[in-house]
Amino acid sequence: MKFTRTEDQLTVEGAGGGSVDPAPLVGTWLNTDKRTGGISKLILRQVDGSLLVRAFGACEPEPCDWGEVRGYAFSSGI
C-alpha cells in the first residue's frame, strides 16, 4: 500500500512548491488508545529547519525505540 487517501497522492499539478511550517507539530505525541498497538509515542523536533521524527513501538515492558528520521510536513491546502 502506498497511500490510504486520495489526498495522499502527490501529482505534478498538485505540487505547489510551497512550504509548511512544522513548528506547531513539534513535541511529544502519545497514543492514548492502548488497544491499537503499533506506535505508542512520537517525538517531533525541528533542527535547522528540518522536521525530525522519532517513533516508539508499543513493545512490552518498555516501548521499542525505532530511531529518528527526517520527516516532512504536508498540507492539502485546505
C-alpha atoms as a PDB file:
ATOM      1  CA  MET A   1       0.000   0.000   0.000  1.00  0.00           C
ATOM      2  CA  LYS A   2       1.418   3.368  -0.982  1.00  0.00           C
ATOM      3  CA  PHE A   3      -1.424   5.615   0.191  1.00  0.00           C
ATOM      4  CA  THR A   4      -4.718   5.385   2.037  1.00  0.00           C
ATOM      5  CA  ARG A   5      -6.462   8.570   0.921  1.00  0.00           C
ATOM      6  CA  THR A   6      -6.786  10.354  -2.384  1.00  0.00           C
ATOM      7  CA  GLU A   7      -5.160  13.446  -0.812  1.00  0.00           C
ATOM      8  CA  ASP A   8      -2.025  11.393  -0.135  1.00  0.00           C
ATOM      9  CA  GLN A   9      -1.337  11.019  -3.865  1.00  0.00           C
ATOM     10  CA  LEU A  10       1.029  13.763  -4.977  1.00  0.00           C
ATOM     11  CA  THR A  11       0.774  14.868  -8.572  1.00  0.00           C
ATOM     12  CA  VAL A  12       2.831  17.353 -10.561  1.00  0.00           C
ATOM     13  CA  GLU A  13      -0.244  19.578 -10.801  1.00  0.00           C
ATOM     14  CA  GLY A  14      -0.813  19.361  -7.041  1.00  0.00           C
ATOM     15  CA  ALA A  15       2.773  20.060  -6.066  1.00  0.00           C
ATOM     16  CA  GLY A  16       2.629  23.747  -5.268  1.00  0.00           C
ATOM     17  CA  GLY A  17       6.230  24.023  -4.206  1.00  0.00           C
ATOM     18  CA  GLY A  18       5.289  25.893  -1.046  1.00  0.00           C
ATOM     19  CA  SER A  19       6.388  25.020   2.432  1.00  0.00           C
ATOM     20  CA  VAL A  20       4.542  24.133   5.606  1.00  0.00           C
ATOM     21  CA  ASP A  21       5.828  25.367   8.956  1.00  0.00           C
ATOM     22  CA  PRO A  22       6.292  22.236  11.099  1.00  0.00           C
ATOM     23  CA  ALA A  23       6.612  24.231  14.363  1.00  0.00           C
ATOM     24  CA  PRO A  24       3.020  23.543  15.522  1.00  0.00           C
ATOM     25  CA  LEU A  25       3.705  19.788  15.283  1.00  0.00           C
ATOM     26  CA  VAL A  26       6.856  19.831  17.436  1.00  0.00           C
ATOM     27  CA  GLY A  27       6.552  17.987  20.730  1.00  0.00           C
ATOM     28  CA  THR A  28       5.740  14.580  22.150  1.00  0.00           C
ATOM     29  CA  TRP A  29       2.647  12.812  20.815  1.00  0.00           C
ATOM     30  CA  LEU A  30       1.232   9.823  22.727  1.00  0.00           C
ATOM     31  CA  ASN A  31      -1.129   7.108  21.549  1.00  0.00           C
ATOM     32  CA  THR A  32      -3.917   7.146  24.120  1.00  0.00           C
ATOM     33  CA  ASP A  33      -5.693   4.049  22.742  1.00  0.00           C
ATOM     34  CA  LYS A  34      -3.588   1.167  24.071  1.00  0.00           C
ATOM     35  CA  ARG A  35      -5.711  -1.365  22.110  1.00  0.00           C
ATOM     36  CA  THR A  36      -4.340  -0.168  18.760  1.00  0.00           C
ATOM     37  CA  GLY A  37      -0.745  -1.307  19.281  1.00  0.00           C
ATOM     38  CA  GLY A  38       1.778  -0.180  16.682  1.00  0.00           C
ATOM     39  CA  ILE A  39       3.123   3.246  17.589  1.00  0.00           C
ATOM     40  CA  SER A  40       2.989   4.252  21.246  1.00  0.00           C
ATOM     41  CA  LYS A  41       4.798   7.603  21.047  1.00  0.00           C
ATOM     42  CA  LEU A  42       6.229  10.075  18.543  1.00  0.00           C
ATOM     43  CA  ILE A  43       8.741  12.788  19.360  1.00  0.00           C
ATOM     44  CA  LEU A  44       8.858  15.533  16.732  1.00  0.00           C
ATOM     45  CA  ARG A  45      11.525  18.215  16.783  1.00  0.00           C
ATOM     46  CA  GLN A  46      12.762  20.887  14.439  1.00  0.00           C
ATOM     47  CA  VAL A  47      16.506  21.287  13.835  1.00  0.00           C
ATOM     48  CA  ASP A  48      17.910  23.790  11.344  1.00  0.00           C
ATOM     49  CA  GLY A  49      14.567  23.978   9.549  1.00  0.00           C
ATOM     50  CA  SER A  50      14.198  20.185   9.244  1.00  0.00           C
ATOM     51  CA  LEU A  51      11.491  18.154  10.953  1.00  0.00           C
ATOM     52  CA  LEU A  52      12.872  15.092  12.775  1.00  0.00           C
ATOM     53  CA  VAL A  53      10.571  12.264  13.866  1.00  0.00           C
ATOM     54  CA  ARG A  54      11.466   9.616  16.469  1.00  0.00           C
ATOM     55  CA  ALA A  55       8.983   6.763  16.767  1.00  0.00           C
ATOM     56  CA  PHE A  56       8.479   4.280  19.595  1.00  0.00           C
ATOM     57  CA  GLY A  57       6.678   0.964  19.094  1.00  0.00           C
ATOM     58  CA  ALA A  58       4.167  -0.463  21.556  1.00  0.00           C
ATOM     59  CA  CYS A  59       6.509  -3.167  22.938  1.00  0.00           C
ATOM     60  CA  GLU A  60       6.457  -4.660  26.436  1.00  0.00           C
ATOM     61  CA  PRO A  61       7.696  -3.985  29.035  1.00  0.00           C
ATOM     62  CA  GLU A  62       9.258  -0.841  27.507  1.00  0.00           C
ATOM     63  CA  PRO A  63       8.496   0.928  24.199  1.00  0.00           C
ATOM     64  CA  CYS A  64      10.789  -0.041  21.275  1.00  0.00           C
ATOM     65  CA  ASP A  65      12.853   2.899  20.026  1.00  0.00           C
ATOM     66  CA  TRP A  66      12.584   2.754  16.220  1.00  0.00           C
ATOM     67  CA  GLY A  67      15.012   5.640  15.795  1.00  0.00           C
ATOM     68  CA  GLU A  68      14.833   9.088  14.296  1.00  0.00           C
ATOM     69  CA  VAL A  69      14.286  10.025  10.640  1.00  0.00           C
ATOM     70  CA  ARG A  70      13.704  13.202   8.699  1.00  0.00           C
ATOM     71  CA  GLY A  71      10.024  13.993   8.273  1.00  0.00           C
ATOM     72  CA  TYR A  72       8.052  16.310   6.031  1.00  0.00           C
ATOM     73  CA  ALA A  73       5.046  18.439   6.898  1.00  0.00           C
ATOM     74  CA  PHE A  74       2.280  18.278   4.287  1.00  0.00           C
ATOM     75  CA  SER A  75      -0.864  20.322   3.831  1.00  0.00           C
ATOM     76  CA  SER A  76      -3.665  19.719   1.370  1.00  0.00           C
ATOM     77  CA  GLY A  77      -4.070  23.486   1.211  1.00  0.00           C
ATOM     78  CA  ILE A  78      -7.475  23.452   2.860  1.00  0.00           C
END
